[in-house]
PDB file of N, CA and C in Angstrom:
ATOM      1  N   MET A   1       1.827   8.064 -30.297  1.00  0.00           N
ATOM      2  CA  MET A   1       0.990   7.350 -29.355  1.00  0.00           C
ATOM      3  C   MET A   1      -0.208   8.219 -29.014  1.00  0.00           C
ATOM      4  N   GLU A   2      -1.387   7.620 -29.093  1.00  0.00           N
ATOM      5  CA  GLU A   2      -2.580   8.386 -28.791  1.00  0.00           C
ATOM      6  C   GLU A   2      -2.715   8.611 -27.292  1.00  0.00           C
ATOM      7  N   LEU A   3      -3.469   9.647 -26.954  1.00  0.00           N
ATOM      8  CA  LEU A   3      -3.627  10.020 -25.554  1.00  0.00           C
ATOM      9  C   LEU A   3      -4.324   8.923 -24.756  1.00  0.00           C
ATOM     10  N   GLN A   4      -5.245   8.198 -25.375  1.00  0.00           N
ATOM     11  CA  GLN A   4      -5.965   7.139 -24.657  1.00  0.00           C
ATOM     12  C   GLN A   4      -5.014   6.036 -24.198  1.00  0.00           C
ATOM     13  N   TYR A   5      -4.030   5.702 -25.022  1.00  0.00           N
ATOM     14  CA  TYR A   5      -3.072   4.673 -24.643  1.00  0.00           C
ATOM     15  C   TYR A   5      -2.190   5.139 -23.491  1.00  0.00           C
ATOM     16  N   VAL A   6      -1.834   6.394 -23.516  1.00  0.00           N
ATOM     17  CA  VAL A   6      -1.000   6.941 -22.447  1.00  0.00           C
ATOM     18  C   VAL A   6      -1.768   6.967 -21.127  1.00  0.00           C
ATOM     19  N   ILE A   7      -3.053   7.327 -21.191  1.00  0.00           N
ATOM     20  CA  ILE A   7      -3.889   7.343 -19.984  1.00  0.00           C
ATOM     21  C   ILE A   7      -4.044   5.932 -19.436  1.00  0.00           C
ATOM     22  N   ALA A   8      -4.279   4.949 -20.311  1.00  0.00           N
ATOM     23  CA  ALA A   8      -4.422   3.562 -19.865  1.00  0.00           C
ATOM     24  C   ALA A   8      -3.120   3.048 -19.257  1.00  0.00           C
ATOM     25  N   LEU A   9      -2.007   3.405 -19.839  1.00  0.00           N
ATOM     26  CA  LEU A   9      -0.713   2.999 -19.289  1.00  0.00           C
ATOM     27  C   LEU A   9      -0.488   3.630 -17.918  1.00  0.00           C
ATOM     28  N   GLY A  10      -0.833   4.891 -17.784  1.00  0.00           N
ATOM     29  CA  GLY A  10      -0.703   5.570 -16.489  1.00  0.00           C
ATOM     30  C   GLY A  10      -1.592   4.953 -15.424  1.00  0.00           C
ATOM     31  N   ALA A  11      -2.798   4.541 -15.801  1.00  0.00           N
ATOM     32  CA  ALA A  11      -3.696   3.888 -14.845  1.00  0.00           C
ATOM     33  C   ALA A  11      -3.123   2.550 -14.403  1.00  0.00           C
ATOM     34  N   GLY A  12      -2.538   1.815 -15.320  1.00  0.00           N
ATOM     35  CA  GLY A  12      -1.919   0.543 -14.956  1.00  0.00           C
ATOM     36  C   GLY A  12      -0.730   0.724 -14.033  1.00  0.00           C
ATOM     37  N   ILE A  13       0.063   1.728 -14.292  1.00  0.00           N
ATOM     38  CA  ILE A  13       1.222   1.998 -13.442  1.00  0.00           C
ATOM     39  C   ILE A  13       0.775   2.449 -12.050  1.00  0.00           C
ATOM     40  N   ALA A  14      -0.323   3.205 -11.977  1.00  0.00           N
ATOM     41  CA  ALA A  14      -0.819   3.667 -10.680  1.00  0.00           C
ATOM     42  C   ALA A  14      -1.299   2.500  -9.824  1.00  0.00           C
ATOM     43  N   VAL A  15      -1.846   1.470 -10.450  1.00  0.00           N
ATOM     44  CA  VAL A  15      -2.332   0.317  -9.696  1.00  0.00           C
ATOM     45  C   VAL A  15      -1.169  -0.481  -9.114  1.00  0.00           C
ATOM     46  N   ILE A  16      -0.003  -0.384  -9.709  1.00  0.00           N
ATOM     47  CA  ILE A  16       1.173  -1.108  -9.211  1.00  0.00           C
ATOM     48  C   ILE A  16       1.543  -0.651  -7.796  1.00  0.00           C
ATOM     49  N   ALA A  17       1.062   0.513  -7.377  1.00  0.00           N
ATOM     50  CA  ALA A  17       1.316   0.972  -6.012  1.00  0.00           C
ATOM     51  C   ALA A  17       0.779  -0.017  -4.988  1.00  0.00           C
ATOM     52  N   GLY A  18      -0.246  -0.782  -5.360  1.00  0.00           N
ATOM     53  CA  GLY A  18      -0.792  -1.795  -4.458  1.00  0.00           C
ATOM     54  C   GLY A  18       0.196  -2.902  -4.159  1.00  0.00           C
ATOM     55  N   ILE A  19       1.066  -3.209  -5.098  1.00  0.00           N
ATOM     56  CA  ILE A  19       2.070  -4.250  -4.871  1.00  0.00           C
ATOM     57  C   ILE A  19       3.046  -3.801  -3.783  1.00  0.00           C
ATOM     58  N   GLY A  20       3.479  -2.561  -3.869  1.00  0.00           N
ATOM     59  CA  GLY A  20       4.394  -2.037  -2.853  1.00  0.00           C
ATOM     60  C   GLY A  20       3.761  -2.010  -1.472  1.00  0.00           C
ATOM     61  N   ALA A  21       2.480  -1.665  -1.421  1.00  0.00           N
ATOM     62  CA  ALA A  21       1.790  -1.652  -0.131  1.00  0.00           C
ATOM     63  C   ALA A  21       1.681  -3.061   0.440  1.00  0.00           C
ATOM     64  N   GLY A  22       1.399  -4.025  -0.413  1.00  0.00           N
ATOM     65  CA  GLY A  22       1.309  -5.409   0.056  1.00  0.00           C
ATOM     66  C   GLY A  22       2.630  -5.928   0.588  1.00  0.00           C
ATOM     67  N   VAL A  23       3.703  -5.614  -0.106  1.00  0.00           N
ATOM     68  CA  VAL A  23       5.031  -6.036   0.350  1.00  0.00           C
ATOM     69  C   VAL A  23       5.375  -5.339   1.667  1.00  0.00           C
ATOM     70  N   GLY A  24       5.067  -4.062   1.753  1.00  0.00           N
ATOM     71  CA  GLY A  24       5.362  -3.319   2.984  1.00  0.00           C
ATOM     72  C   GLY A  24       4.587  -3.835   4.181  1.00  0.00           C
ATOM     73  N   ILE A  25       3.328  -4.165   3.979  1.00  0.00           N
ATOM     74  CA  ILE A  25       2.525  -4.698   5.078  1.00  0.00           C
ATOM     75  C   ILE A  25       3.038  -6.083   5.478  1.00  0.00           C
ATOM     76  N   GLY A  26       3.450  -6.872   4.502  1.00  0.00           N
ATOM     77  CA  GLY A  26       4.006  -8.187   4.819  1.00  0.00           C
ATOM     78  C   GLY A  26       5.286  -8.100   5.627  1.00  0.00           C
ATOM     79  N   ILE A  27       6.155  -7.175   5.262  1.00  0.00           N
ATOM     80  CA  ILE A  27       7.406  -6.993   6.008  1.00  0.00           C
ATOM     81  C   ILE A  27       7.118  -6.487   7.417  1.00  0.00           C
ATOM     82  N   ALA A  28       6.153  -5.567   7.535  1.00  0.00           N
ATOM     83  CA  ALA A  28       5.804  -5.044   8.859  1.00  0.00           C
ATOM     84  C   ALA A  28       5.208  -6.136   9.745  1.00  0.00           C
ATOM     85  N   THR A  29       4.377  -6.982   9.168  1.00  0.00           N
ATOM     86  CA  THR A  29       3.786  -8.074   9.939  1.00  0.00           C
ATOM     87  C   THR A  29       4.851  -9.069  10.374  1.00  0.00           C
ATOM     88  N   SER A  30       5.790  -9.342   9.503  1.00  0.00           N
ATOM     89  CA  SER A  30       6.892 -10.238   9.856  1.00  0.00           C
ATOM     90  C   SER A  30       7.699  -9.666  11.023  1.00  0.00           C
ATOM     91  N   GLY A  31       7.989  -8.384  10.957  1.00  0.00           N
ATOM     92  CA  GLY A  31       8.720  -7.744  12.048  1.00  0.00           C
ATOM     93  C   GLY A  31       7.938  -7.753  13.349  1.00  0.00           C
ATOM     94  N   LEU A  32       6.613  -7.574  13.248  1.00  0.00           N
ATOM     95  CA  LEU A  32       5.777  -7.604  14.454  1.00  0.00           C
ATOM     96  C   LEU A  32       5.810  -8.981  15.096  1.00  0.00           C
ATOM     97  N   VAL A  33       5.658 -10.014  14.298  1.00  0.00           N
ATOM     98  CA  VAL A  33       5.665 -11.375  14.848  1.00  0.00           C
ATOM     99  C   VAL A  33       7.013 -11.696  15.488  1.00  0.00           C
ATOM    100  N   GLN A  34       8.094 -11.289  14.851  1.00  0.00           N
ATOM    101  CA  GLN A  34       9.420 -11.534  15.429  1.00  0.00           C
ATOM    102  C   GLN A  34       9.606 -10.769  16.744  1.00  0.00           C
ATOM    103  N   ALA A  35       9.143  -9.522  16.761  1.00  0.00           N
ATOM    104  CA  ALA A  35       9.299  -8.720  17.976  1.00  0.00           C
ATOM    105  C   ALA A  35       8.458  -9.282  19.116  1.00  0.00           C
ATOM    106  N   LEU A  36       7.242  -9.713  18.818  1.00  0.00           N
ATOM    107  CA  LEU A  36       6.386 -10.263  19.864  1.00  0.00           C
ATOM    108  C   LEU A  36       6.872 -11.633  20.323  1.00  0.00           C
ATOM    109  N   ALA A  37       7.528 -12.373  19.443  1.00  0.00           N
ATOM    110  CA  ALA A  37       8.082 -13.658  19.859  1.00  0.00           C
ATOM    111  C   ALA A  37       9.251 -13.463  20.812  1.00  0.00           C
ATOM    112  N   ARG A  38       9.994 -12.396  20.632  1.00  0.00           N
ATOM    113  CA  ARG A  38      11.151 -12.145  21.504  1.00  0.00           C
ATOM    114  C   ARG A  38      10.743 -11.510  22.826  1.00  0.00           C
ATOM    115  N   GLN A  39       9.818 -10.532  22.748  1.00  0.00           N
ATOM    116  CA  GLN A  39       9.386  -9.830  23.961  1.00  0.00           C
ATOM    117  C   GLN A  39       7.869  -9.656  23.944  1.00  0.00           C
ATOM    118  N   PRO A  40       7.144 -10.637  24.396  1.00  0.00           N
ATOM    119  CA  PRO A  40       5.680 -10.529  24.367  1.00  0.00           C
ATOM    120  C   PRO A  40       5.142  -9.420  25.276  1.00  0.00           C
ATOM    121  N   GLU A  41       5.889  -9.076  26.304  1.00  0.00           N
ATOM    122  CA  GLU A  41       5.414  -8.038  27.223  1.00  0.00           C
ATOM    123  C   GLU A  41       5.474  -6.637  26.610  1.00  0.00           C
ATOM    124  N   ALA A  42       6.150  -6.470  25.495  1.00  0.00           N
ATOM    125  CA  ALA A  42       6.260  -5.162  24.839  1.00  0.00           C
ATOM    126  C   ALA A  42       5.160  -4.934  23.799  1.00  0.00           C
ATOM    127  N   SER A  43       4.141  -5.771  23.791  1.00  0.00           N
ATOM    128  CA  SER A  43       3.105  -5.644  22.759  1.00  0.00           C
ATOM    129  C   SER A  43       2.346  -4.326  22.865  1.00  0.00           C
ATOM    130  N   GLY A  44       2.225  -3.776  24.061  1.00  0.00           N
ATOM    131  CA  GLY A  44       1.524  -2.505  24.236  1.00  0.00           C
ATOM    132  C   GLY A  44       2.218  -1.347  23.536  1.00  0.00           C
ATOM    133  N   LYS A  45       3.543  -1.437  23.388  1.00  0.00           N
ATOM    134  CA  LYS A  45       4.290  -0.379  22.719  1.00  0.00           C
ATOM    135  C   LYS A  45       4.446  -0.648  21.225  1.00  0.00           C
ATOM    136  N   ILE A  46       4.455  -1.924  20.847  1.00  0.00           N
ATOM    137  CA  ILE A  46       4.723  -2.279  19.449  1.00  0.00           C
ATOM    138  C   ILE A  46       3.478  -2.189  18.583  1.00  0.00           C
ATOM    139  N   LEU A  47       2.336  -2.634  19.098  1.00  0.00           N
ATOM    140  CA  LEU A  47       1.120  -2.697  18.280  1.00  0.00           C
ATOM    141  C   LEU A  47       0.657  -1.348  17.732  1.00  0.00           C
ATOM    142  N   PRO A  48       0.658  -0.267  18.521  1.00  0.00           N
ATOM    143  CA  PRO A  48       0.229   1.013  17.932  1.00  0.00           C
ATOM    144  C   PRO A  48       1.109   1.478  16.773  1.00  0.00           C
ATOM    145  N   MET A  49       2.417   1.261  16.900  1.00  0.00           N
ATOM    146  CA  MET A  49       3.307   1.640  15.797  1.00  0.00           C
ATOM    147  C   MET A  49       3.082   0.762  14.585  1.00  0.00           C
ATOM    148  N   PHE A  50       2.775  -0.514  14.816  1.00  0.00           N
ATOM    149  CA  PHE A  50       2.476  -1.424  13.717  1.00  0.00           C
ATOM    150  C   PHE A  50       1.236  -0.962  12.956  1.00  0.00           C
ATOM    151  N   PHE A  51       0.182  -0.650  13.689  1.00  0.00           N
ATOM    152  CA  PHE A  51      -1.057  -0.233  13.023  1.00  0.00           C
ATOM    153  C   PHE A  51      -0.882   1.101  12.290  1.00  0.00           C
ATOM    154  N   LEU A  52      -0.074   1.985  12.813  1.00  0.00           N
ATOM    155  CA  LEU A  52       0.209   3.237  12.123  1.00  0.00           C
ATOM    156  C   LEU A  52       0.949   2.970  10.815  1.00  0.00           C
ATOM    157  N   GLY A  53       1.937   2.093  10.862  1.00  0.00           N
ATOM    158  CA  GLY A  53       2.679   1.745   9.649  1.00  0.00           C
ATOM    159  C   GLY A  53       1.809   1.067   8.612  1.00  0.00           C
ATOM    160  N   VAL A  54       0.947   0.168   9.058  1.00  0.00           N
ATOM    161  CA  VAL A  54       0.034  -0.514   8.121  1.00  0.00           C
ATOM    162  C   VAL A  54      -0.926   0.491   7.502  1.00  0.00           C
ATOM    163  N   ALA A  55      -1.421   1.429   8.298  1.00  0.00           N
ATOM    164  CA  ALA A  55      -2.337   2.436   7.769  1.00  0.00           C
ATOM    165  C   ALA A  55      -1.652   3.319   6.724  1.00  0.00           C
ATOM    166  N   LEU A  56      -0.417   3.702   6.979  1.00  0.00           N
ATOM    167  CA  LEU A  56       0.315   4.520   6.012  1.00  0.00           C
ATOM    168  C   LEU A  56       0.602   3.740   4.731  1.00  0.00           C
ATOM    169  N   ALA A  57       0.961   2.469   4.859  1.00  0.00           N
ATOM    170  CA  ALA A  57       1.218   1.649   3.670  1.00  0.00           C
ATOM    171  C   ALA A  57      -0.061   1.446   2.873  1.00  0.00           C
ATOM    172  N   GLU A  58      -1.158   1.218   3.566  1.00  0.00           N
ATOM    173  CA  GLU A  58      -2.428   0.998   2.867  1.00  0.00           C
ATOM    174  C   GLU A  58      -2.915   2.279   2.192  1.00  0.00           C
ATOM    175  N   SER A  59      -2.604   3.435   2.780  1.00  0.00           N
ATOM    176  CA  SER A  59      -3.044   4.687   2.158  1.00  0.00           C
ATOM    177  C   SER A  59      -2.356   4.906   0.809  1.00  0.00           C
ATOM    178  N   THR A  60      -1.122   4.442   0.670  1.00  0.00           N
ATOM    179  CA  THR A  60      -0.472   4.580  -0.638  1.00  0.00           C
ATOM    180  C   THR A  60      -1.170   3.716  -1.684  1.00  0.00           C
ATOM    181  N   ALA A  61      -1.634   2.546  -1.289  1.00  0.00           N
ATOM    182  CA  ALA A  61      -2.380   1.694  -2.221  1.00  0.00           C
ATOM    183  C   ALA A  61      -3.704   2.342  -2.604  1.00  0.00           C
ATOM    184  N   ILE A  62      -4.361   2.967  -1.643  1.00  0.00           N
ATOM    185  CA  ILE A  62      -5.640   3.625  -1.929  1.00  0.00           C
ATOM    186  C   ILE A  62      -5.424   4.827  -2.840  1.00  0.00           C
ATOM    187  N   TYR A  63      -4.350   5.575  -2.630  1.00  0.00           N
ATOM    188  CA  TYR A  63      -4.046   6.699  -3.522  1.00  0.00           C
ATOM    189  C   TYR A  63      -3.807   6.214  -4.945  1.00  0.00           C
ATOM    190  N   GLY A  64      -3.083   5.127  -5.089  1.00  0.00           N
ATOM    191  CA  GLY A  64      -2.863   4.558  -6.421  1.00  0.00           C
ATOM    192  C   GLY A  64      -4.158   4.128  -7.072  1.00  0.00           C
ATOM    193  N   LEU A  65      -5.045   3.525  -6.305  1.00  0.00           N
ATOM    194  CA  LEU A  65      -6.345   3.105  -6.834  1.00  0.00           C
ATOM    195  C   LEU A  65      -7.180   4.307  -7.263  1.00  0.00           C
ATOM    196  N   VAL A  66      -7.182   5.345  -6.460  1.00  0.00           N
ATOM    197  CA  VAL A  66      -7.948   6.547  -6.800  1.00  0.00           C
ATOM    198  C   VAL A  66      -7.405   7.199  -8.065  1.00  0.00           C
ATOM    199  N   VAL A  67      -6.096   7.287  -8.179  1.00  0.00           N
ATOM    200  CA  VAL A  67      -5.492   7.872  -9.373  1.00  0.00           C
ATOM    201  C   VAL A  67      -5.842   7.046 -10.600  1.00  0.00           C
ATOM    202  N   SER A  68      -5.785   5.723 -10.470  1.00  0.00           N
ATOM    203  CA  SER A  68      -6.109   4.886 -11.626  1.00  0.00           C
ATOM    204  C   SER A  68      -7.580   5.017 -12.007  1.00  0.00           C
ATOM    205  N   ILE A  69      -8.471   5.111 -11.035  1.00  0.00           N
ATOM    206  CA  ILE A  69      -9.892   5.293 -11.343  1.00  0.00           C
ATOM    207  C   ILE A  69     -10.123   6.632 -12.025  1.00  0.00           C
ATOM    208  N   LEU A  70      -9.460   7.673 -11.536  1.00  0.00           N
ATOM    209  CA  LEU A  70      -9.606   8.982 -12.177  1.00  0.00           C
ATOM    210  C   LEU A  70      -9.100   8.961 -13.613  1.00  0.00           C
ATOM    211  N   LEU A  71      -8.007   8.261 -13.850  1.00  0.00           N
ATOM    212  CA  LEU A  71      -7.492   8.170 -15.206  1.00  0.00           C
ATOM    213  C   LEU A  71      -8.402   7.351 -16.122  1.00  0.00           C
ATOM    214  N   ILE A  72      -8.959   6.268 -15.577  1.00  0.00           N
ATOM    215  CA  ILE A  72      -9.836   5.419 -16.385  1.00  0.00           C
ATOM    216  C   ILE A  72     -11.103   6.174 -16.761  1.00  0.00           C
ATOM    217  N   THR A  73     -11.617   7.011 -15.873  1.00  0.00           N
ATOM    218  CA  THR A  73     -12.820   7.779 -16.215  1.00  0.00           C
ATOM    219  C   THR A  73     -12.551   8.784 -17.325  1.00  0.00           C
ATOM    220  N   ARG A  74     -11.304   9.165 -17.511  1.00  0.00           N
ATOM    221  CA  ARG A  74     -10.965  10.085 -18.607  1.00  0.00           C
ATOM    222  C   ARG A  74     -10.884   9.374 -19.952  1.00  0.00           C
ATOM    223  N   LEU A  75     -10.829   8.034 -19.925  1.00  0.00           N
ATOM    224  CA  LEU A  75     -10.760   7.288 -21.183  1.00  0.00           C
ATOM    225  C   LEU A  75     -12.061   7.351 -21.962  1.00  0.00           C
ATOM    226  N   GLY A  76     -13.184   7.318 -21.232  1.00  0.00           N
ATOM    227  CA  GLY A  76     -14.483   7.242 -21.894  1.00  0.00           C
ATOM    228  C   GLY A  76     -14.839   8.538 -22.519  1.00  0.00           C
TER     229      GLY A  76
END
């Protein structure tokens, strides 16, 4: 297998990190809606933790995108 094919495969696998981030954000949003439906007065404590979790999940997607871009630039 040539190195270019391996680099392209690695870039594709790195982009798959976005799928995990999307699923994680969806699960977190579902949990937030359920928690706020049960106790709306606790939104002041729940929302900051929600945004922290979403930021951490999104950072994994951004890392995957950066890795894939770095790999794609090595193809040329």
